[in-house]
Amino acid sequence: MTTRRSFMARSMAVAAIAAAASLGLSACGSGSTPAASEGGTTKLKVAVAPIQFETAYLAQDKGYFKDAGLEVEIVNGADPAALLAQVVSGDVNIAIGSWINVATSVAQGVPVQVIGGNGMVSPTADNSGVLVPKDSGITELKQLEGKTIGVVGVKSGGDIPVLQALEAAGVSVDKVKEVAIPYSGMEAALEQKTVDAVVPADSFYHQMQDKGYVSISSPVKEFQANMPVTVWTAQKAWLAQNGSTAEKFIGAMEKAVADYNDPKNLETVRGVYAKVNQADIAKAPKAFVPADVTFNVAEAQAGIDAMEHFGLLKKSIKVDEVLWEKAPRREAAGK
């Protein structure tokens, strides 16, 4: 079963981030304010995750950052927790984070805020799911009782929809073992039979399906449709000094997101994916998750409430405690 040790390790990791933030803030000075070039352009260092990074590169390639007076250096980062640590340490000014991961961290005192949304859960398309080998004999979630599932983070928040799906299927979450595996290692874990099922996302999910792995459930689409997945985060102290810069960044991202969501630009987006991953464009996904800079407040709150239900939060927090005051908001999908 999922052990208390895993949860404690996660809590200690967040505490370590908070401690690092405290030290970083006490040492803040010139490092908290972006440098200005001779032409008056504000320099920013922005970290992106291995998924849902295309919008940032579009803003760069289309000149939207430049038009906003920003000189942006994009840094390819790792998992959400690592990116959050880069933000609080001041190594980067803005970074992609997982909404659930960021909300959990804020609830535990990490001084960061979300300045805008990025990738979101499509209510119609399957961009993640519970995958099993085609010859496994497993055809439904009920059969995972007593088995092992590979997730990108144990009790990190990203596994919440999987826990929701298992619970809805009548499976006690205490009777399923979760192990942390990066998306890139999930296929190998199934091949080596160290896990019985995995839950990849985005291009990793589609690539595994193309290889014959079978999806037995789409928990994210079922339980988190329209919810923010990845979000843009910044340190609170940095935002206090650089609010206008953050607004310029979000303004540029709004233009990039409009291009990204336009079906006419699919090949351009695929080209960005291929270039960043140094891959043949023929291997790029033919569909991408939708994106929206405007924050879906109602769905985001539902995600927080689910975290409280499964014990990731001792007490619930409100979305507005996590969002920067100038972050663009909407109350429900489509509004």
Protein backbone atom coordinates (compact mmCIF):
# COMPACT_ATOMS: atom_id res chain seq x y z
CA MET A 1 0.00 0.00 0.00
CA THR A 2 1.06 3.62 -0.27
CA THR A 3 3.20 4.14 2.79
CA ARG A 4 3.16 6.94 5.33
CA ARG A 5 6.90 7.19 4.70
CA SER A 6 6.21 8.38 1.14
CA PHE A 7 3.88 11.07 2.44
CA MET A 8 6.39 12.13 5.09
CA ALA A 9 9.13 12.32 2.48
CA ARG A 10 6.94 14.58 0.41
CA SER A 11 6.21 16.77 3.44
CA MET A 12 9.92 16.99 4.25
CA ALA A 13 10.65 17.99 0.67
CA VAL A 14 8.15 20.84 0.86
CA ALA A 15 9.58 21.89 4.22
CA ALA A 16 13.02 21.96 2.66
CA ILE A 17 11.74 24.19 -0.12
CA ALA A 18 10.21 26.51 2.46
CA ALA A 19 13.51 26.66 4.34
CA ALA A 20 15.36 27.40 1.14
CA ALA A 21 12.85 30.12 0.38
CA SER A 22 13.43 31.69 3.78
CA LEU A 23 17.17 31.75 3.25
CA GLY A 24 16.77 33.00 -0.30
CA LEU A 25 14.46 35.82 0.72
CA SER A 26 16.76 36.93 3.52
CA ALA A 27 19.56 37.17 0.97
CA CYS A 28 17.44 38.86 -1.68
CA GLY A 29 18.83 41.98 -3.21
CA SER A 30 19.75 42.69 -6.77
CA GLY A 31 19.00 39.07 -7.62
CA SER A 32 15.29 39.58 -7.04
CA THR A 33 14.99 42.28 -9.68
CA PRO A 34 15.43 41.45 -13.38
CA ALA A 35 18.40 43.13 -15.02
CA ALA A 36 17.76 45.67 -17.75
CA SER A 37 19.78 45.60 -20.96
CA GLU A 38 21.16 48.71 -22.64
CA GLY A 39 18.06 48.91 -24.80
CA GLY A 40 15.77 49.01 -21.78
CA THR A 41 14.63 45.42 -22.21
CA THR A 42 13.94 43.51 -19.01
CA LYS A 43 15.81 40.22 -18.77
CA LEU A 44 13.96 37.19 -17.41
CA LYS A 45 14.96 33.61 -16.78
CA VAL A 46 12.00 31.28 -17.26
CA ALA A 47 12.06 27.54 -16.52
CA VAL A 48 9.79 25.10 -18.35
CA ALA A 49 8.84 21.49 -17.60
CA PRO A 50 9.24 18.48 -19.93
CA ILE A 51 5.53 18.80 -20.76
CA GLN A 52 3.37 21.75 -21.87
CA PHE A 53 6.38 23.92 -22.67
CA GLU A 54 5.31 24.78 -26.23
CA THR A 55 3.51 28.01 -25.30
CA ALA A 56 6.67 29.61 -23.91
CA TYR A 57 8.71 28.77 -27.00
CA LEU A 58 5.95 30.12 -29.22
CA ALA A 59 6.07 33.43 -27.33
CA GLN A 60 9.80 33.46 -27.90
CA ASP A 61 9.70 32.47 -31.57
CA LYS A 62 6.83 34.80 -32.46
CA GLY A 63 8.52 37.78 -30.82
CA TYR A 64 5.79 38.31 -28.23
CA PHE A 65 8.31 38.57 -25.40
CA LYS A 66 10.39 41.04 -27.39
CA ASP A 67 7.30 43.11 -28.23
CA ALA A 68 6.54 43.29 -24.50
CA GLY A 69 10.03 44.58 -23.74
CA LEU A 70 11.25 41.29 -22.33
CA GLU A 71 14.47 39.43 -23.07
CA VAL A 72 13.64 35.90 -21.96
CA GLU A 73 16.05 33.04 -21.43
CA ILE A 74 14.12 29.76 -21.42
CA VAL A 75 15.61 27.01 -19.26
CA ASN A 76 14.53 23.39 -19.67
CA GLY A 77 13.73 22.07 -16.20
CA ALA A 78 12.68 18.85 -14.52
CA ASP A 79 9.74 17.85 -12.35
CA PRO A 80 7.37 20.40 -10.72
CA ALA A 81 8.98 20.19 -7.26
CA ALA A 82 12.42 20.89 -8.71
CA LEU A 83 11.09 23.84 -10.70
CA LEU A 84 9.40 25.23 -7.59
CA ALA A 85 12.70 25.03 -5.74
CA GLN A 86 14.36 27.02 -8.55
CA VAL A 87 11.76 29.74 -8.14
CA VAL A 88 12.10 30.08 -4.38
CA SER A 89 15.90 30.00 -4.55
CA GLY A 90 15.92 32.79 -7.13
CA ASP A 91 17.67 30.69 -9.77
CA VAL A 92 14.82 31.57 -12.14
CA ASN A 93 12.25 34.35 -12.08
CA ILE A 94 9.25 32.42 -13.40
CA ALA A 95 8.67 28.69 -13.85
CA ILE A 96 6.03 26.22 -14.91
CA GLY A 97 4.60 24.37 -11.94
CA SER A 98 1.93 21.78 -11.34
CA TRP A 99 -1.21 23.48 -9.99
CA ILE A 100 -1.78 20.81 -7.34
CA ASN A 101 1.90 20.77 -6.35
CA VAL A 102 2.01 24.56 -6.03
CA ALA A 103 -1.22 24.71 -4.03
CA THR A 104 0.07 22.03 -1.65
CA SER A 105 3.32 23.92 -1.20
CA VAL A 106 1.62 27.26 -0.55
CA ALA A 107 -0.55 25.57 2.09
CA GLN A 108 2.67 24.54 3.84
CA GLY A 109 4.17 28.02 3.76
CA VAL A 110 6.22 28.12 0.56
CA PRO A 111 6.19 31.81 -0.53
CA VAL A 112 5.22 31.48 -4.18
CA GLN A 113 2.17 32.53 -6.17
CA VAL A 114 0.58 31.59 -9.45
CA ILE A 115 0.59 34.44 -11.95
CA GLY A 116 -1.38 32.67 -14.68
CA GLY A 117 -2.49 29.37 -16.15
CA ASN A 118 -0.89 27.34 -18.90
CA GLY A 119 -1.95 23.80 -19.82
CA MET A 120 -5.37 22.62 -18.74
CA VAL A 121 -7.33 19.38 -18.76
CA SER A 122 -9.31 18.87 -21.95
CA PRO A 123 -12.93 17.86 -21.26
CA THR A 124 -13.01 15.80 -24.46
CA ALA A 125 -9.54 14.54 -25.41
CA ASP A 126 -7.59 11.81 -23.67
CA ASN A 127 -4.13 13.18 -22.90
CA SER A 128 -3.39 10.87 -20.00
CA GLY A 129 -4.66 7.59 -18.64
CA VAL A 130 -4.02 4.35 -16.80
CA LEU A 131 -2.08 2.14 -19.22
CA VAL A 132 -1.44 -1.60 -19.01
CA PRO A 133 0.25 -4.08 -21.38
CA LYS A 134 -2.19 -5.47 -23.93
CA ASP A 135 -1.58 -9.01 -22.70
CA SER A 136 -1.92 -8.19 -18.98
CA GLY A 137 -5.49 -9.41 -18.65
CA ILE A 138 -6.35 -6.20 -16.77
CA THR A 139 -9.37 -4.50 -18.32
CA GLU A 140 -10.77 -2.35 -15.50
CA LEU A 141 -9.64 -0.45 -12.43
CA LYS A 142 -11.18 -2.95 -10.02
CA GLN A 143 -8.51 -5.44 -11.07
CA LEU A 144 -5.76 -3.15 -9.76
CA GLU A 145 -6.62 -3.91 -6.14
CA GLY A 146 -3.51 -5.35 -4.54
CA LYS A 147 -1.34 -4.31 -7.49
CA THR A 148 1.28 -1.62 -8.15
CA ILE A 149 0.76 1.56 -10.17
CA GLY A 150 3.53 3.81 -11.45
CA VAL A 151 2.73 7.52 -11.07
CA VAL A 152 4.89 10.59 -11.61
CA GLY A 153 4.67 11.46 -7.91
CA VAL A 154 3.34 9.57 -4.89
CA LYS A 155 1.00 11.69 -2.77
CA SER A 156 2.29 14.72 -4.65
CA GLY A 157 -1.10 15.78 -5.95
CA GLY A 158 -0.62 14.61 -9.51
CA ASP A 159 -1.96 11.21 -8.53
CA ILE A 160 -5.19 12.65 -7.07
CA PRO A 161 -7.38 11.83 -10.11
CA VAL A 162 -6.08 8.25 -10.07
CA LEU A 163 -7.07 7.94 -6.42
CA GLN A 164 -10.47 9.45 -7.24
CA ALA A 165 -11.00 6.95 -10.05
CA LEU A 166 -9.97 4.00 -7.89
CA GLU A 167 -12.30 5.11 -5.11
CA ALA A 168 -15.17 5.54 -7.58
CA ALA A 169 -14.51 2.01 -8.87
CA GLY A 170 -14.87 0.65 -5.35
CA VAL A 171 -11.16 0.08 -4.75
CA SER A 172 -9.71 1.18 -1.41
CA VAL A 173 -6.71 3.40 -2.15
CA ASP A 174 -4.92 1.69 0.76
CA LYS A 175 -5.02 -1.57 -1.18
CA VAL A 176 -3.08 -0.22 -4.16
CA LYS A 177 0.65 0.47 -4.05
CA GLU A 178 1.91 3.60 -5.79
CA VAL A 179 5.54 4.04 -6.83
CA ALA A 180 7.10 7.18 -8.26
CA ILE A 181 8.38 6.84 -11.83
CA PRO A 182 9.22 9.67 -14.26
CA TYR A 183 7.15 9.68 -17.43
CA SER A 184 10.19 8.70 -19.46
CA GLY A 185 10.68 5.54 -17.39
CA MET A 186 7.10 4.25 -17.31
CA GLU A 187 7.29 2.09 -20.42
CA ALA A 188 10.43 0.37 -19.15
CA ALA A 189 8.79 -0.23 -15.76
CA LEU A 190 5.94 -2.09 -17.46
CA GLU A 191 8.32 -4.05 -19.64
CA GLN A 192 10.34 -5.10 -16.61
CA LYS A 193 7.11 -5.91 -14.73
CA THR A 194 8.08 -3.80 -11.73
CA VAL A 195 4.58 -2.27 -11.93
CA ASP A 196 1.23 -3.51 -13.20
CA ALA A 197 0.01 -0.17 -14.61
CA VAL A 198 1.31 3.34 -15.21
CA VAL A 199 -0.23 6.79 -15.60
CA PRO A 200 1.68 8.78 -18.25
CA ALA A 201 0.59 12.11 -19.72
CA ASP A 202 0.77 14.09 -22.93
CA SER A 203 3.29 12.85 -25.52
CA PHE A 204 4.42 9.98 -23.28
CA TYR A 205 0.83 8.72 -23.07
CA HIS A 206 0.25 8.91 -26.83
CA GLN A 207 3.59 7.28 -27.67
CA MET A 208 2.83 4.33 -25.39
CA GLN A 209 -0.64 3.95 -26.89
CA ASP A 210 0.91 3.92 -30.36
CA LYS A 211 3.08 1.02 -29.19
CA GLY A 212 0.06 -1.02 -28.15
CA TYR A 213 -0.37 -0.28 -24.46
CA VAL A 214 -4.04 -0.24 -23.48
CA SER A 215 -5.85 2.49 -21.55
CA ILE A 216 -8.33 1.17 -18.98
CA SER A 217 -9.30 4.56 -17.53
CA SER A 218 -8.93 8.31 -18.11
CA PRO A 219 -9.05 9.67 -14.54
CA VAL A 220 -7.81 13.16 -15.32
CA LYS A 221 -10.44 13.78 -17.99
CA GLU A 222 -13.17 12.22 -15.86
CA PHE A 223 -12.45 14.01 -12.59
CA GLN A 224 -10.52 17.15 -13.52
CA ALA A 225 -11.92 18.40 -16.84
CA ASN A 226 -11.11 22.10 -17.37
CA MET A 227 -8.87 22.20 -14.31
CA PRO A 228 -5.47 23.94 -14.58
CA VAL A 229 -2.65 21.43 -14.92
CA THR A 230 0.48 23.53 -15.36
CA VAL A 231 0.71 27.10 -14.13
CA TRP A 232 3.20 29.94 -14.18
CA THR A 233 4.68 30.58 -10.74
CA ALA A 234 6.91 33.24 -9.21
CA GLN A 235 8.31 34.10 -5.81
CA LYS A 236 6.10 36.45 -3.77
CA ALA A 237 8.99 38.77 -2.94
CA TRP A 238 9.94 38.96 -6.62
CA LEU A 239 6.36 39.79 -7.58
CA ALA A 240 6.22 42.57 -5.01
CA GLN A 241 9.11 44.28 -6.81
CA ASN A 242 8.37 43.22 -10.39
CA GLY A 243 4.60 43.21 -10.81
CA SER A 244 4.69 45.13 -14.08
CA THR A 245 7.21 42.66 -15.50
CA ALA A 246 4.97 39.75 -14.54
CA GLU A 247 2.04 41.47 -16.27
CA LYS A 248 4.12 41.89 -19.44
CA PHE A 249 5.03 38.21 -19.32
CA ILE A 250 1.39 37.15 -18.98
CA GLY A 251 0.39 39.52 -21.78
CA ALA A 252 2.92 37.88 -24.10
CA MET A 253 1.75 34.43 -23.04
CA GLU A 254 -1.87 35.32 -23.84
CA LYS A 255 -0.85 35.96 -27.45
CA ALA A 256 1.18 32.75 -27.57
CA VAL A 257 -1.68 30.71 -26.12
CA ALA A 258 -4.05 32.08 -28.76
CA ASP A 259 -1.65 30.83 -31.45
CA TYR A 260 -1.13 27.52 -29.66
CA ASN A 261 -4.87 26.80 -29.42
CA ASP A 262 -5.55 27.67 -33.07
CA PRO A 263 -5.84 24.41 -35.08
CA LYS A 264 -4.27 26.20 -38.04
CA ASN A 265 -1.00 26.33 -36.10
CA LEU A 266 -0.80 22.64 -35.20
CA GLU A 267 2.22 22.01 -37.43
CA THR A 268 4.00 24.99 -35.91
CA VAL A 269 3.38 23.64 -32.41
CA ARG A 270 4.56 20.19 -33.50
CA GLY A 271 7.68 21.85 -34.88
CA VAL A 272 8.35 23.49 -31.52
CA TYR A 273 7.93 20.15 -29.75
CA ALA A 274 10.31 18.43 -32.18
CA LYS A 275 12.93 21.17 -31.96
CA VAL A 276 13.01 21.28 -28.17
CA ASN A 277 13.15 17.48 -27.91
CA GLN A 278 15.61 17.21 -30.79
CA ALA A 279 13.29 14.72 -32.43
CA ASP A 280 11.89 14.07 -35.89
CA ILE A 281 8.73 16.12 -36.36
CA ALA A 282 7.05 12.95 -37.60
CA LYS A 283 7.25 11.69 -34.02
CA ALA A 284 5.67 14.81 -32.55
CA PRO A 285 2.15 14.49 -31.09
CA LYS A 286 -0.74 15.21 -33.42
CA ALA A 287 -2.76 16.72 -30.58
CA PHE A 288 -1.85 18.84 -27.58
CA VAL A 289 -3.62 19.75 -24.36
CA PRO A 290 -5.55 23.03 -24.46
CA ALA A 291 -4.03 26.05 -22.76
CA ASP A 292 -5.48 29.10 -21.06
CA VAL A 293 -3.67 31.88 -19.21
CA THR A 294 -6.93 32.85 -17.52
CA PHE A 295 -7.32 30.84 -14.34
CA ASN A 296 -10.35 28.59 -13.86
CA VAL A 297 -11.15 29.30 -10.21
CA ALA A 298 -13.97 26.79 -9.69
CA GLU A 299 -12.13 23.80 -11.15
CA ALA A 300 -8.91 24.75 -9.37
CA GLN A 301 -10.75 24.83 -6.05
CA ALA A 302 -12.16 21.37 -6.78
CA GLY A 303 -8.60 20.12 -7.10
CA ILE A 304 -7.69 21.60 -3.72
CA ASP A 305 -10.77 20.03 -2.12
CA ALA A 306 -9.76 16.62 -3.50
CA MET A 307 -6.31 17.03 -1.97
CA GLU A 308 -7.90 17.64 1.40
CA HIS A 309 -10.09 14.56 0.94
CA PHE A 310 -7.09 12.31 0.32
CA GLY A 311 -5.02 13.77 3.14
CA LEU A 312 -2.51 15.88 1.21
CA LEU A 313 -3.77 18.96 3.04
CA LYS A 314 -4.58 19.10 6.74
CA LYS A 315 -6.97 21.92 6.01
CA SER A 316 -8.30 23.36 2.79
CA ILE A 317 -7.14 26.65 1.34
CA LYS A 318 -8.82 28.97 -1.13
CA VAL A 319 -7.63 29.53 -4.67
CA ASP A 320 -7.12 33.22 -3.98
CA GLU A 321 -4.49 32.33 -1.38
CA VAL A 322 -2.43 30.76 -4.16
CA LEU A 323 -3.13 33.22 -6.98
CA TRP A 324 -1.32 36.51 -7.41
CA GLU A 325 -3.76 39.40 -7.08
CA LYS A 326 -3.30 40.36 -10.74
CA ALA A 327 -3.53 36.84 -12.16
CA PRO A 328 -6.33 36.67 -14.78
CA ARG A 329 -9.31 34.70 -13.49
CA ARG A 330 -12.58 33.22 -14.58
CA GLU A 331 -15.18 31.53 -12.38
CA ALA A 332 -16.04 28.58 -14.61
CA ALA A 333 -15.13 27.00 -17.91
CA GLY A 334 -16.22 29.08 -20.86
CA LYS A 335 -16.82 32.27 -18.89
